[in-house]
N, C-alpha and C. Protein backbone atom coordinates (compact mmCIF):
# COMPACT_ATOMS: atom_id res chain seq x y z
N UNK A 1 0.73 -1.21 -0.02
CA UNK A 1 0.13 0.30 -0.04
C UNK A 1 0.56 1.31 -0.09
N UNK A 2 0.34 1.89 -0.89
CA UNK A 2 1.44 3.58 -1.16
C UNK A 2 0.87 4.31 0.47
N UNK A 3 2.19 5.15 0.64
CA UNK A 3 1.72 6.08 1.79
C UNK A 3 0.82 7.12 1.49
N UNK A 4 -0.10 7.09 2.50
CA UNK A 4 -1.18 8.22 2.67
C UNK A 4 -2.44 7.57 1.82
N UNK A 5 -2.51 6.24 1.23
CA UNK A 5 -3.74 5.34 0.43
C UNK A 5 -4.16 4.40 1.36
N UNK A 6 -5.60 4.62 1.72
CA UNK A 6 -6.32 4.18 2.71
C UNK A 6 -7.62 3.94 2.51
N UNK A 7 -8.16 2.87 2.98
CA UNK A 7 -9.77 2.77 2.06
C UNK A 7 -10.48 2.45 3.52
N UNK A 8 -9.78 3.31 4.55
CA UNK A 8 -10.83 3.52 6.02
C UNK A 8 -11.33 5.34 5.87
N UNK A 9 -12.30 5.14 6.56
CA UNK A 9 -12.80 6.55 7.00
C UNK A 9 -13.60 6.61 8.30
N UNK A 10 -13.69 7.61 8.80
CA UNK A 10 -14.25 7.82 10.10
C UNK A 10 -15.03 6.68 10.43
N UNK A 11 -15.81 6.28 11.47
CA UNK A 11 -17.08 5.84 11.94
C UNK A 11 -17.46 4.57 10.95
N UNK A 12 -16.10 4.13 10.63
CA UNK A 12 -16.47 2.78 9.76
C UNK A 12 -16.34 1.35 10.89
N UNK A 13 -16.55 0.38 10.96
CA UNK A 13 -16.98 -0.75 11.56
C UNK A 13 -15.73 -1.25 11.31
N UNK A 14 -14.56 -1.76 12.33
CA UNK A 14 -13.39 -2.74 11.68
C UNK A 14 -13.38 -3.61 12.33
N UNK A 15 -12.18 -4.95 11.88
CA UNK A 15 -12.21 -6.02 13.09
C UNK A 15 -10.59 -6.10 12.45
N UNK A 16 -10.19 -6.01 14.01
CA UNK A 16 -8.47 -6.40 14.06
C UNK A 16 -7.95 -7.76 13.61
N UNK A 17 -7.14 -7.70 13.10
CA UNK A 17 -6.90 -8.99 12.27
C UNK A 17 -5.58 -9.62 12.45
N UNK A 18 -4.94 -8.63 13.27
CA UNK A 18 -3.57 -9.38 13.48
C UNK A 18 -3.18 -8.40 15.10
N UNK A 19 -2.42 -8.89 15.78
CA UNK A 19 -1.79 -8.27 16.60
C UNK A 19 -2.41 -8.50 18.22
N UNK A 20 -2.48 -7.91 19.06
CA UNK A 20 -3.10 -8.27 20.51
C UNK A 20 -4.14 -8.12 20.72
N UNK A 21 -4.76 -7.74 19.83
CA UNK A 21 -6.54 -7.25 20.03
C UNK A 21 -7.04 -7.79 18.79
N UNK A 22 -6.36 -9.13 18.47
CA UNK A 22 -6.84 -9.82 17.36
C UNK A 22 -8.34 -10.59 17.38
N UNK A 23 -9.45 -10.34 16.35
CA UNK A 23 -10.59 -10.62 16.41
C UNK A 23 -11.47 -9.61 17.14
N UNK A 24 -11.12 -8.43 17.67
CA UNK A 24 -11.91 -7.60 18.36
C UNK A 24 -12.56 -6.46 17.44
N UNK A 25 -13.77 -6.10 17.85
CA UNK A 25 -14.64 -4.92 16.81
C UNK A 25 -14.56 -3.92 17.32
N UNK A 26 -14.23 -2.72 16.50
CA UNK A 26 -14.30 -1.40 17.08
C UNK A 26 -14.82 -0.44 16.17
N UNK A 27 -15.23 0.85 16.31
CA UNK A 27 -15.37 2.05 15.41
C UNK A 27 -14.12 3.03 15.18
N UNK A 28 -13.77 3.23 14.00
CA UNK A 28 -12.83 4.19 13.76
C UNK A 28 -13.06 5.59 14.20
N UNK A 29 -12.16 5.97 15.16
CA UNK A 29 -12.32 7.14 15.39
C UNK A 29 -11.39 8.52 14.76
N UNK A 30 -10.10 7.82 14.42
CA UNK A 30 -9.38 9.11 13.68
C UNK A 30 -8.90 8.21 12.53
N UNK A 31 -8.39 8.92 11.31
CA UNK A 31 -7.55 8.15 10.55
C UNK A 31 -6.43 8.64 10.31
N UNK A 32 -5.19 8.55 10.61
CA UNK A 32 -4.14 9.22 10.47
C UNK A 32 -3.20 9.13 8.67
N UNK A 33 -3.51 9.62 7.72
CA UNK A 33 -3.08 9.43 6.66
C UNK A 33 -2.12 9.41 6.23
N UNK A 34 -1.27 9.97 6.82
CA UNK A 34 0.15 10.32 6.76
C UNK A 34 0.82 9.26 7.07
N UNK A 35 0.61 8.42 8.03
CA UNK A 35 1.42 7.37 8.67
C UNK A 35 0.74 6.02 8.56
N UNK A 36 -0.43 5.90 7.81
CA UNK A 36 -1.11 4.80 7.36
C UNK A 36 -1.56 3.98 8.56
N UNK A 37 -2.55 4.69 9.36
CA UNK A 37 -2.61 4.60 10.73
C UNK A 37 -4.04 4.68 10.98
N UNK A 38 -4.79 4.41 12.00
CA UNK A 38 -6.18 4.52 12.59
C UNK A 38 -6.36 4.52 13.84
N UNK A 39 -7.28 5.18 14.32
CA UNK A 39 -7.25 4.89 16.04
C UNK A 39 -9.07 4.46 16.22
N UNK A 40 -8.60 3.30 16.53
CA UNK A 40 -10.00 2.69 16.86
C UNK A 40 -10.60 2.55 18.16
N UNK A 41 -12.05 2.92 18.72
CA UNK A 41 -12.19 2.63 19.80
C UNK A 41 -12.33 1.54 20.36
N UNK A 42 -11.75 1.55 21.59
CA UNK A 42 -11.37 0.53 22.64
C UNK A 42 -10.58 -0.57 21.99
N UNK A 43 -9.38 -0.15 21.23
CA UNK A 43 -8.55 -1.18 20.64
C UNK A 43 -7.05 -0.58 20.87
N UNK A 44 -6.54 -1.04 21.01
CA UNK A 44 -5.07 -0.98 21.15
C UNK A 44 -4.98 0.13 22.39
N UNK A 45 -5.19 -0.38 23.75
CA UNK A 45 -4.98 0.90 24.58
C UNK A 45 -3.50 1.00 25.31
N UNK A 46 -3.53 2.00 25.61
CA UNK A 46 -2.26 2.62 26.47
C UNK A 46 -2.25 3.28 27.51
N UNK A 47 -1.42 2.79 28.49
CA UNK A 47 -1.59 3.82 29.61
C UNK A 47 -0.79 4.82 29.77
N UNK A 48 -1.11 5.94 29.91
CA UNK A 48 -0.32 7.31 30.25
C UNK A 48 -0.13 7.67 31.43
N UNK A 49 0.83 8.06 31.82
CA UNK A 49 1.00 8.80 33.26
C UNK A 49 0.98 9.91 33.41
N UNK A 50 -0.10 10.57 33.60
CA UNK A 50 0.22 12.10 33.66
C UNK A 50 0.21 12.85 34.86
N UNK A 51 0.92 14.13 34.74
CA UNK A 51 1.50 14.82 36.01
C UNK A 51 0.34 15.48 36.29
N UNK A 52 0.09 16.43 37.53
CA UNK A 52 -1.15 16.95 38.12
C UNK A 52 -0.60 18.49 37.51
N UNK A 53 -1.65 18.91 37.12
CA UNK A 53 -1.39 20.00 36.14
C UNK A 53 -1.52 21.61 36.99
N UNK A 54 -2.49 21.33 38.11
CA UNK A 54 -2.67 21.97 39.33
C UNK A 54 -2.29 21.91 40.88
N UNK A 55 -2.40 22.85 41.12
CA UNK A 55 -1.77 22.50 42.70
C UNK A 55 -2.70 21.43 43.51
N UNK A 56 -4.17 21.51 43.05
CA UNK A 56 -5.03 20.58 44.38
C UNK A 56 -5.21 19.38 43.10
N UNK A 57 -4.95 19.48 41.74
CA UNK A 57 -4.90 18.31 41.01
C UNK A 57 -4.09 17.03 41.52
N UNK A 58 -4.34 15.92 41.26
CA UNK A 58 -3.79 14.73 41.49
C UNK A 58 -2.96 13.85 40.17
N UNK A 59 -1.68 13.37 40.14
CA UNK A 59 -1.41 12.74 39.04
C UNK A 59 -1.99 11.75 38.82
N UNK A 60 -2.20 11.08 37.36
CA UNK A 60 -3.17 10.13 37.31
C UNK A 60 -2.87 9.30 35.97
N UNK A 61 -3.46 7.69 36.07
CA UNK A 61 -2.47 7.03 34.60
C UNK A 61 -4.19 7.21 34.05
N UNK A 62 -3.95 7.58 32.60
CA UNK A 62 -5.25 7.43 31.98
C UNK A 62 -5.24 6.52 30.76
N UNK A 63 -5.60 5.62 30.39
CA UNK A 63 -5.74 4.80 29.11
C UNK A 63 -6.33 5.26 27.77
N UNK A 64 -5.72 5.57 26.93
CA UNK A 64 -6.07 6.14 26.33
C UNK A 64 -5.94 5.05 24.68
N UNK A 65 -6.85 5.05 23.72
CA UNK A 65 -6.21 4.69 22.11
C UNK A 65 -4.93 4.81 21.35
N UNK A 66 -4.30 3.81 21.31
CA UNK A 66 -2.99 4.10 20.30
C UNK A 66 -3.35 3.79 18.56
N UNK A 67 -2.85 4.76 18.00
CA UNK A 67 -3.07 4.07 17.10
C UNK A 67 -2.58 2.99 16.42
N UNK A 68 -3.17 2.02 15.21
CA UNK A 68 -2.74 1.15 14.72
C UNK A 68 -2.66 0.92 13.36
N UNK A 69 -2.03 0.03 12.69
CA UNK A 69 -1.69 0.23 11.34
C UNK A 69 -2.70 -0.26 10.40
N UNK A 70 -3.21 0.22 9.55
CA UNK A 70 -4.46 0.15 8.75
C UNK A 70 -4.10 -1.62 8.10
N UNK A 71 -3.32 -2.05 7.97
CA UNK A 71 -2.75 -3.21 7.71
C UNK A 71 -3.17 -4.57 8.08
N UNK A 72 -3.54 -4.10 9.66
CA UNK A 72 -3.99 -4.98 10.68
C UNK A 72 -5.42 -4.97 10.85
N UNK A 73 -6.14 -3.95 9.95
CA UNK A 73 -7.58 -3.90 10.35
C UNK A 73 -8.51 -4.64 8.98
N UNK A 74 -9.27 -4.56 9.15
CA UNK A 74 -10.29 -5.12 7.94
C UNK A 74 -11.63 -4.63 8.17
N UNK A 75 -12.29 -4.12 7.48
CA UNK A 75 -13.65 -3.61 7.12
C UNK A 75 -14.49 -3.90 7.32
N UNK A 76 -15.59 -3.99 7.66
CA UNK A 76 -16.79 -5.05 8.20
C UNK A 76 -17.97 -4.42 7.35
N UNK A 77 -18.24 -5.11 5.93
CA UNK A 77 -19.28 -4.58 5.68
C UNK A 77 -20.77 -4.64 5.85
N UNK A 78 -21.59 -3.22 5.73
CA UNK A 78 -22.65 -2.78 6.97
C UNK A 78 -23.95 -3.96 6.47
N UNK A 79 -23.80 -4.35 4.94
CA UNK A 79 -24.80 -4.89 4.53
C UNK A 79 -24.46 -6.18 4.42
N UNK A 80 -23.79 -7.45 4.36
CA UNK A 80 -23.55 -8.47 4.69
C UNK A 80 -22.61 -9.06 5.90
N UNK A 81 -22.08 -8.22 6.46
CA UNK A 81 -21.64 -8.29 7.88
C UNK A 81 -20.41 -9.09 8.02
N UNK A 82 -20.11 -8.98 6.96
CA UNK A 82 -18.66 -9.96 6.88
C UNK A 82 -17.62 -8.83 7.10
N UNK A 83 -16.21 -9.38 7.19
CA UNK A 83 -15.20 -8.90 6.95
C UNK A 83 -14.21 -9.18 5.39
N UNK A 84 -14.05 -8.46 4.95
CA UNK A 84 -13.56 -8.62 3.68
C UNK A 84 -12.62 -7.66 2.62
N UNK A 85 -12.33 -8.02 1.61
CA UNK A 85 -11.82 -7.04 0.77
C UNK A 85 -12.63 -5.89 0.20
N UNK A 86 -12.19 -4.92 -0.21
CA UNK A 86 -13.15 -3.56 -0.52
C UNK A 86 -12.52 -3.06 -1.84
N UNK A 87 -12.94 -3.00 -2.53
CA UNK A 87 -12.97 -1.94 -3.73
C UNK A 87 -13.40 -0.90 -4.12
N UNK A 88 -12.83 0.15 -4.75
CA UNK A 88 -13.53 1.37 -5.38
C UNK A 88 -13.93 1.27 -6.95
N UNK A 89 -14.83 2.07 -7.17
CA UNK A 89 -15.59 2.11 -8.58
C UNK A 89 -16.38 3.25 -8.72
N UNK A 90 -16.17 4.05 -9.69
CA UNK A 90 -16.83 5.05 -10.27
C UNK A 90 -18.31 4.85 -10.45
N UNK A 91 -19.09 5.48 -10.10
CA UNK A 91 -20.93 5.46 -10.50
C UNK A 91 -21.08 6.40 -11.84
N UNK A 92 -22.38 5.79 -12.48
CA UNK A 92 -22.47 6.83 -13.61
C UNK A 92 -22.77 8.33 -13.47
N UNK A 93 -23.06 8.44 -12.24
CA UNK A 93 -23.38 10.10 -11.97
C UNK A 93 -21.72 10.65 -11.92
N UNK A 94 -20.72 9.71 -11.75
CA UNK A 94 -19.57 10.13 -11.71
C UNK A 94 -18.44 9.91 -10.16
N UNK A 95 -19.59 10.00 -8.92
CA UNK A 95 -19.03 9.78 -7.74
C UNK A 95 -18.60 8.41 -7.19
N UNK A 96 -17.76 8.58 -6.38
CA UNK A 96 -16.48 7.65 -6.11
C UNK A 96 -17.57 6.75 -4.91
N UNK A 97 -17.46 5.26 -5.10
CA UNK A 97 -17.73 4.64 -3.83
C UNK A 97 -16.83 3.71 -3.40
N UNK A 98 -17.03 3.07 -2.03
CA UNK A 98 -16.22 2.01 -2.04
C UNK A 98 -17.55 0.70 -1.70
N UNK A 99 -17.03 -0.50 -2.19
CA UNK A 99 -17.81 -1.50 -2.50
C UNK A 99 -17.49 -2.63 -1.76
N UNK A 100 -18.13 -3.72 -1.33
CA UNK A 100 -17.84 -5.05 -0.71
C UNK A 100 -17.58 -5.85 -2.35
N UNK A 101 -16.45 -6.79 -2.02
CA UNK A 101 -15.76 -7.31 -3.31
C UNK A 101 -16.68 -8.79 -2.70
N UNK A 102 -17.39 -9.02 -1.60
CA UNK A 102 -17.89 -10.57 -1.47
C UNK A 102 -19.32 -10.15 -1.84
N UNK A 103 -20.19 -9.39 -1.87
CA UNK A 103 -21.51 -9.25 -1.95
C UNK A 103 -21.68 -8.40 -2.66
N UNK A 104 -20.97 -7.34 -3.38
CA UNK A 104 -20.84 -6.15 -4.33
C UNK A 104 -21.48 -5.21 -3.81
N UNK A 105 -22.25 -4.91 -2.59
CA UNK A 105 -22.79 -3.96 -2.38
C UNK A 105 -22.14 -2.39 -1.55
N UNK A 106 -22.55 -1.11 -2.14
CA UNK A 106 -21.57 -0.22 -1.79
C UNK A 106 -21.78 0.16 -0.21
N UNK A 107 -20.51 0.66 0.01
CA UNK A 107 -19.87 0.75 1.32
C UNK A 107 -20.47 2.34 1.78
N UNK A 108 -21.12 2.81 2.28
CA UNK A 108 -21.73 4.10 2.82
C UNK A 108 -21.35 4.13 4.34
N UNK A 109 -20.81 4.95 5.06
CA UNK A 109 -20.56 5.13 6.45
C UNK A 109 -21.53 5.58 7.01
N UNK A 110 -22.36 4.74 7.94
CA UNK A 110 -23.51 5.12 8.81
C UNK A 110 -22.85 6.40 9.59
N UNK A 111 -23.39 7.55 9.71
CA UNK A 111 -22.69 8.75 10.87
C UNK A 111 -24.15 8.59 11.81
């Protein structure tokens, strides 16, 4: 995959296909195109130790999502509810859409 090219968009449902969270499903929160990574809800959680910012505040340990490489994610088709390969095609009216290669339906992210 070339740098900056990804088939994922915000609010897509994805499944992790490799790594420590393999098999888990989540929603894409952010796509980092320059790094070919995505931040997925409740996937690839890391702990960050934060210092107190004010005098009366305590330091704490915060759990947050870290970016995961898009090659470790696979999009879930909203029509057939399967993970599968994704293609791109241009419709007759000139608009570009992503489609599921297994069922042939277009994938429009539900916001």
